[in-house]
Amino acid sequence: MDESALIRHAANGDASAWEPLVLAHQQAVFRLAYLLLGDPDDAEDTAQETFLRAWNHLKRFDQTRPLRPWLLSIAANLARNRRRSAGRYLAALTRAFRNEPIPATVEEKSAQYMEANDLWKAVQSLSMSDQQIVYLRYFLDLSVAETAEVLQVVEGTVKSRLSRALEKLRVIIKQEFPVFAERREGHES
């Protein structure tokens, strides 16, 4: 069955149709929650709550639209609420760097760790809305259209917000993390 058929069956109470949908989207939902919360246990709780809420409101979901942006929107809202109420926000950027090739030397590993740490601190300096747009586009690799749907804004707004967030990030890196900026420039040469 395709996704729209599974959604239709699940909306009519078929739990066996909901399971493959959860499996298809659970990694993206967890990753977004983790990026926003920084804690794997909180992210797991948020992901579970996301799927419970989605299941409970599936009858109201517009089945002509893709499911993932809707789920990510729910997850983002839950994570924001959890973050606000819990006051927790731990480092998660290094997780995004795990997909890089394993460095050959201790020096390379150390340099990558320092870069990841500096970049994480720089991203943390951004406002929550700027952090969120950077995470959605670059860490979850969502398209502009998908990001717009998650944030419930038009695509042009995503592009302008992303441009402003990246410019702020460049300024922060140059001012507060000059060693990181120099290392990056050295890599690009």
C-alpha atoms as a PDB file:
ATOM      1  CA  MET A   1       0.000   0.000   0.000  1.00  0.00           C
ATOM      2  CA  ASP A   2       1.187   3.536  -0.687  1.00  0.00           C
ATOM      3  CA  GLU A   3       1.355   6.189   2.029  1.00  0.00           C
ATOM      4  CA  SER A   4      -1.993   7.793   1.230  1.00  0.00           C
ATOM      5  CA  ALA A   5      -3.779   4.418   1.408  1.00  0.00           C
ATOM      6  CA  LEU A   6      -2.061   3.645   4.710  1.00  0.00           C
ATOM      7  CA  ILE A   7      -3.107   7.046   6.066  1.00  0.00           C
ATOM      8  CA  ARG A   8      -6.695   6.460   4.953  1.00  0.00           C
ATOM      9  CA  HIS A   9      -6.809   3.038   6.661  1.00  0.00           C
ATOM     10  CA  ALA A  10      -5.119   4.349   9.797  1.00  0.00           C
ATOM     11  CA  ALA A  11      -7.540   7.285   9.982  1.00  0.00           C
ATOM     12  CA  ASN A  12     -10.324   4.707  10.059  1.00  0.00           C
ATOM     13  CA  GLY A  13      -8.752   3.066  13.112  1.00  0.00           C
ATOM     14  CA  ASP A  14      -6.547   0.418  11.454  1.00  0.00           C
ATOM     15  CA  ALA A  15      -3.511   0.270  13.758  1.00  0.00           C
ATOM     16  CA  SER A  16      -1.727  -2.157  11.431  1.00  0.00           C
ATOM     17  CA  ALA A  17      -1.748   0.575   8.745  1.00  0.00           C
ATOM     18  CA  TRP A  18      -0.317   3.110  11.212  1.00  0.00           C
ATOM     19  CA  GLU A  19       2.719   0.971  12.088  1.00  0.00           C
ATOM     20  CA  PRO A  20       4.507   1.242   8.691  1.00  0.00           C
ATOM     21  CA  LEU A  21       3.879   4.993   8.717  1.00  0.00           C
ATOM     22  CA  VAL A  22       5.515   5.300  12.122  1.00  0.00           C
ATOM     23  CA  LEU A  23       8.446   3.180  10.949  1.00  0.00           C
ATOM     24  CA  ALA A  24       8.879   5.319   7.841  1.00  0.00           C
ATOM     25  CA  HIS A  25       8.995   8.610   9.754  1.00  0.00           C
ATOM     26  CA  GLN A  26      10.260   7.808  13.247  1.00  0.00           C
ATOM     27  CA  GLN A  27      13.921   8.561  12.513  1.00  0.00           C
ATOM     28  CA  ALA A  28      13.210  12.059  11.151  1.00  0.00           C
ATOM     29  CA  VAL A  29      10.850  12.843  14.042  1.00  0.00           C
ATOM     30  CA  PHE A  30      13.369  11.615  16.604  1.00  0.00           C
ATOM     31  CA  ARG A  31      16.257  13.514  14.957  1.00  0.00           C
ATOM     32  CA  LEU A  32      14.341  16.797  14.955  1.00  0.00           C
ATOM     33  CA  ALA A  33      13.302  16.319  18.578  1.00  0.00           C
ATOM     34  CA  TYR A  34      16.885  15.467  19.494  1.00  0.00           C
ATOM     35  CA  LEU A  35      18.280  18.500  17.708  1.00  0.00           C
ATOM     36  CA  LEU A  36      15.807  20.767  19.466  1.00  0.00           C
ATOM     37  CA  LEU A  37      16.104  19.161  22.902  1.00  0.00           C
ATOM     38  CA  GLY A  38      19.641  17.788  22.990  1.00  0.00           C
ATOM     39  CA  ASP A  39      18.686  14.819  25.144  1.00  0.00           C
ATOM     40  CA  PRO A  40      17.973  11.366  23.673  1.00  0.00           C
ATOM     41  CA  ASP A  41      15.466  10.419  26.378  1.00  0.00           C
ATOM     42  CA  ASP A  42      13.519  13.659  25.951  1.00  0.00           C
ATOM     43  CA  ALA A  43      13.677  13.221  22.182  1.00  0.00           C
ATOM     44  CA  GLU A  44      12.340   9.675  22.434  1.00  0.00           C
ATOM     45  CA  ASP A  45       9.479  10.832  24.670  1.00  0.00           C
ATOM     46  CA  THR A  46       8.695  13.664  22.267  1.00  0.00           C
ATOM     47  CA  ALA A  47       8.768  11.313  19.269  1.00  0.00           C
ATOM     48  CA  GLN A  48       6.381   8.911  20.985  1.00  0.00           C
ATOM     49  CA  GLU A  49       4.060  11.749  21.944  1.00  0.00           C
ATOM     50  CA  THR A  50       4.213  13.032  18.362  1.00  0.00           C
ATOM     51  CA  PHE A  51       2.959   9.739  16.977  1.00  0.00           C
ATOM     52  CA  LEU A  52       0.281   9.431  19.664  1.00  0.00           C
ATOM     53  CA  ARG A  53      -1.027  12.905  18.913  1.00  0.00           C
ATOM     54  CA  ALA A  54      -0.896  12.287  15.188  1.00  0.00           C
ATOM     55  CA  TRP A  55      -2.803   9.004  15.601  1.00  0.00           C
ATOM     56  CA  ASN A  56      -5.443  10.760  17.717  1.00  0.00           C
ATOM     57  CA  HIS A  57      -5.861  13.575  15.173  1.00  0.00           C
ATOM     58  CA  LEU A  58      -5.387  11.607  11.959  1.00  0.00           C
ATOM     59  CA  LYS A  59      -9.030  12.021  10.941  1.00  0.00           C
ATOM     60  CA  ARG A  60      -8.427  15.782  10.699  1.00  0.00           C
ATOM     61  CA  PHE A  61      -5.238  15.419   8.633  1.00  0.00           C
ATOM     62  CA  ASP A  62      -5.472  16.577   5.003  1.00  0.00           C
ATOM     63  CA  GLN A  63      -4.659  13.318   3.241  1.00  0.00           C
ATOM     64  CA  THR A  64      -3.697  15.127   0.029  1.00  0.00           C
ATOM     65  CA  ARG A  65      -0.594  16.440   1.790  1.00  0.00           C
ATOM     66  CA  PRO A  66       2.573  14.536   2.729  1.00  0.00           C
ATOM     67  CA  LEU A  67       2.636  13.133   6.249  1.00  0.00           C
ATOM     68  CA  ARG A  68       6.254  13.912   7.205  1.00  0.00           C
ATOM     69  CA  PRO A  69       5.983  17.733   7.391  1.00  0.00           C
ATOM     70  CA  TRP A  70       2.850  17.417   9.538  1.00  0.00           C
ATOM     71  CA  LEU A  71       4.597  15.000  11.900  1.00  0.00           C
ATOM     72  CA  LEU A  72       7.674  17.224  12.095  1.00  0.00           C
ATOM     73  CA  SER A  73       5.470  20.209  12.840  1.00  0.00           C
ATOM     74  CA  ILE A  74       3.877  18.334  15.741  1.00  0.00           C
ATOM     75  CA  ALA A  75       7.313  17.225  16.963  1.00  0.00           C
ATOM     76  CA  ALA A  76       8.711  20.766  16.746  1.00  0.00           C
ATOM     77  CA  ASN A  77       5.806  22.164  18.747  1.00  0.00           C
ATOM     78  CA  LEU A  78       6.095  19.452  21.396  1.00  0.00           C
ATOM     79  CA  ALA A  79       9.858  19.910  21.626  1.00  0.00           C
ATOM     80  CA  ARG A  80       9.490  23.679  21.990  1.00  0.00           C
ATOM     81  CA  ASN A  81       6.963  23.160  24.761  1.00  0.00           C
ATOM     82  CA  ARG A  82       9.155  20.575  26.480  1.00  0.00           C
ATOM     83  CA  ARG A  83      12.224  22.784  26.186  1.00  0.00           C
ATOM     84  CA  ARG A  84      10.382  25.769  27.588  1.00  0.00           C
ATOM     85  CA  SER A  85       8.972  23.843  30.519  1.00  0.00           C
ATOM     86  CA  ALA A  86      12.086  21.772  31.271  1.00  0.00           C
ATOM     87  CA  GLY A  87      14.668  24.442  30.537  1.00  0.00           C
ATOM     88  CA  ARG A  88      16.979  21.798  29.027  1.00  0.00           C
ATOM     89  CA  TYR A  89      19.008  22.193  25.924  1.00  0.00           C
ATOM     90  CA  LEU A  90      22.135  20.022  25.567  1.00  0.00           C
ATOM     91  CA  ALA A  91      24.712  19.814  22.778  1.00  0.00           C
ATOM     92  CA  ALA A  92      23.508  17.809  19.758  1.00  0.00           C
ATOM     93  CA  LEU A  93      25.538  19.126  16.882  1.00  0.00           C
ATOM     94  CA  THR A  94      28.233  16.479  17.167  1.00  0.00           C
ATOM     95  CA  ARG A  95      25.619  13.870  16.274  1.00  0.00           C
ATOM     96  CA  ALA A  96      25.338  15.464  12.837  1.00  0.00           C
ATOM     97  CA  PHE A  97      29.067  15.016  12.327  1.00  0.00           C
ATOM     98  CA  ARG A  98      28.953  11.273  12.909  1.00  0.00           C
ATOM     99  CA  ASN A  99      28.263  10.748   9.219  1.00  0.00           C
ATOM    100  CA  GLU A 100      31.657  12.195   8.282  1.00  0.00           C
ATOM    101  CA  PRO A 101      34.432   9.757   7.355  1.00  0.00           C
ATOM    102  CA  ILE A 102      36.462   8.596  10.328  1.00  0.00           C
ATOM    103  CA  PRO A 103      39.608  10.731  10.575  1.00  0.00           C
ATOM    104  CA  ALA A 104      42.880   8.881  10.116  1.00  0.00           C
ATOM    105  CA  THR A 105      44.815  10.555  12.930  1.00  0.00           C
ATOM    106  CA  VAL A 106      44.250  11.714  16.474  1.00  0.00           C
ATOM    107  CA  GLU A 107      44.987  15.277  15.318  1.00  0.00           C
ATOM    108  CA  GLU A 108      42.248  15.086  12.660  1.00  0.00           C
ATOM    109  CA  LYS A 109      39.796  13.665  15.190  1.00  0.00           C
ATOM    110  CA  SER A 110      40.634  16.416  17.636  1.00  0.00           C
ATOM    111  CA  ALA A 111      40.258  19.112  14.963  1.00  0.00           C
ATOM    112  CA  GLN A 112      36.868  17.733  13.878  1.00  0.00           C
ATOM    113  CA  TYR A 113      35.677  17.593  17.459  1.00  0.00           C
ATOM    114  CA  MET A 114      36.762  21.194  18.032  1.00  0.00           C
ATOM    115  CA  GLU A 115      35.024  22.316  14.824  1.00  0.00           C
ATOM    116  CA  ALA A 116      31.820  20.511  15.740  1.00  0.00           C
ATOM    117  CA  ASN A 117      31.907  21.951  19.233  1.00  0.00           C
ATOM    118  CA  ASP A 118      32.539  25.493  17.971  1.00  0.00           C
ATOM    119  CA  LEU A 119      29.816  25.218  15.348  1.00  0.00           C
ATOM    120  CA  TRP A 120      27.392  23.838  17.926  1.00  0.00           C
ATOM    121  CA  LYS A 121      28.104  26.741  20.275  1.00  0.00           C
ATOM    122  CA  ALA A 122      27.673  29.197  17.404  1.00  0.00           C
ATOM    123  CA  VAL A 123      24.316  27.678  16.402  1.00  0.00           C
ATOM    124  CA  GLN A 124      23.213  27.784  20.041  1.00  0.00           C
ATOM    125  CA  SER A 125      23.850  31.535  19.995  1.00  0.00           C
ATOM    126  CA  LEU A 126      21.074  31.966  17.435  1.00  0.00           C
ATOM    127  CA  SER A 127      17.460  32.535  18.422  1.00  0.00           C
ATOM    128  CA  MET A 128      15.296  29.417  18.710  1.00  0.00           C
ATOM    129  CA  SER A 129      13.554  30.171  15.395  1.00  0.00           C
ATOM    130  CA  ASP A 130      16.909  30.587  13.629  1.00  0.00           C
ATOM    131  CA  GLN A 131      18.210  27.354  15.177  1.00  0.00           C
ATOM    132  CA  GLN A 132      15.087  25.527  14.072  1.00  0.00           C
ATOM    133  CA  ILE A 133      15.346  26.596  10.436  1.00  0.00           C
ATOM    134  CA  VAL A 134      19.046  25.638  10.309  1.00  0.00           C
ATOM    135  CA  TYR A 135      18.280  22.222  11.835  1.00  0.00           C
ATOM    136  CA  LEU A 136      15.421  21.511   9.445  1.00  0.00           C
ATOM    137  CA  ARG A 137      17.330  22.481   6.288  1.00  0.00           C
ATOM    138  CA  TYR A 138      20.836  21.267   7.095  1.00  0.00           C
ATOM    139  CA  PHE A 139      20.576  18.582   9.737  1.00  0.00           C
ATOM    140  CA  LEU A 140      17.369  16.914   8.621  1.00  0.00           C
ATOM    141  CA  ASP A 141      18.056  17.851   4.998  1.00  0.00           C
ATOM    142  CA  LEU A 142      14.476  18.915   4.312  1.00  0.00           C
ATOM    143  CA  SER A 143      13.705  20.757   1.106  1.00  0.00           C
ATOM    144  CA  VAL A 144      12.561  24.378   1.221  1.00  0.00           C
ATOM    145  CA  ALA A 145       8.994  23.189   0.561  1.00  0.00           C
ATOM    146  CA  GLU A 146       9.113  20.624   3.375  1.00  0.00           C
ATOM    147  CA  THR A 147      10.654  23.156   5.749  1.00  0.00           C
ATOM    148  CA  ALA A 148       7.887  25.626   4.869  1.00  0.00           C
ATOM    149  CA  GLU A 149       5.268  23.013   5.604  1.00  0.00           C
ATOM    150  CA  VAL A 150       6.820  22.073   8.958  1.00  0.00           C
ATOM    151  CA  LEU A 151       7.047  25.716   9.998  1.00  0.00           C
ATOM    152  CA  GLN A 152       3.657  26.518   8.454  1.00  0.00           C
ATOM    153  CA  VAL A 153       5.027  29.435   6.434  1.00  0.00           C
ATOM    154  CA  VAL A 154       5.458  30.133   2.722  1.00  0.00           C
ATOM    155  CA  GLU A 155       8.621  29.022   0.909  1.00  0.00           C
ATOM    156  CA  GLY A 156       9.827  32.595   0.443  1.00  0.00           C
ATOM    157  CA  THR A 157       9.738  33.059   4.206  1.00  0.00           C
ATOM    158  CA  VAL A 158      11.888  29.946   4.657  1.00  0.00           C
ATOM    159  CA  LYS A 159      14.439  31.277   2.168  1.00  0.00           C
ATOM    160  CA  SER A 160      14.613  34.725   3.765  1.00  0.00           C
ATOM    161  CA  ARG A 161      14.711  33.363   7.338  1.00  0.00           C
ATOM    162  CA  LEU A 162      17.396  30.870   6.372  1.00  0.00           C
ATOM    163  CA  SER A 163      19.451  33.560   4.664  1.00  0.00           C
ATOM    164  CA  ARG A 164      19.219  35.812   7.734  1.00  0.00           C
ATOM    165  CA  ALA A 165      20.015  32.928  10.108  1.00  0.00           C
ATOM    166  CA  LEU A 166      23.087  31.940   8.103  1.00  0.00           C
ATOM    167  CA  GLU A 167      24.291  35.530   7.956  1.00  0.00           C
ATOM    168  CA  LYS A 168      23.890  35.813  11.745  1.00  0.00           C
ATOM    169  CA  LEU A 169      25.766  32.532  12.110  1.00  0.00           C
ATOM    170  CA  ARG A 170      28.642  33.818   9.925  1.00  0.00           C
ATOM    171  CA  VAL A 171      28.912  36.954  12.078  1.00  0.00           C
ATOM    172  CA  ILE A 172      28.843  34.939  15.303  1.00  0.00           C
ATOM    173  CA  ILE A 173      31.530  32.584  14.005  1.00  0.00           C
ATOM    174  CA  LYS A 174      33.782  35.433  12.865  1.00  0.00           C
ATOM    175  CA  GLN A 175      33.397  37.366  16.136  1.00  0.00           C
ATOM    176  CA  GLU A 176      33.192  34.642  18.746  1.00  0.00           C
ATOM    177  CA  PHE A 177      34.919  31.660  17.098  1.00  0.00           C
ATOM    178  CA  PRO A 178      37.739  33.129  14.987  1.00  0.00           C
ATOM    179  CA  VAL A 179      39.817  29.942  15.224  1.00  0.00           C
ATOM    180  CA  PHE A 180      36.918  27.951  13.755  1.00  0.00           C
ATOM    181  CA  ALA A 181      36.511  30.520  10.966  1.00  0.00           C
ATOM    182  CA  GLU A 182      40.252  30.295  10.193  1.00  0.00           C
ATOM    183  CA  ARG A 183      40.153  26.483  10.126  1.00  0.00           C
ATOM    184  CA  ARG A 184      37.165  26.563   7.741  1.00  0.00           C
ATOM    185  CA  GLU A 185      38.910  29.046   5.448  1.00  0.00           C
ATOM    186  CA  GLY A 186      41.990  26.791   5.477  1.00  0.00           C
ATOM    187  CA  HIS A 187      39.800  23.820   4.392  1.00  0.00           C
ATOM    188  CA  GLU A 188      38.303  25.810   1.527  1.00  0.00           C
ATOM    189  CA  SER A 189      41.692  26.933   0.143  1.00  0.00           C
END
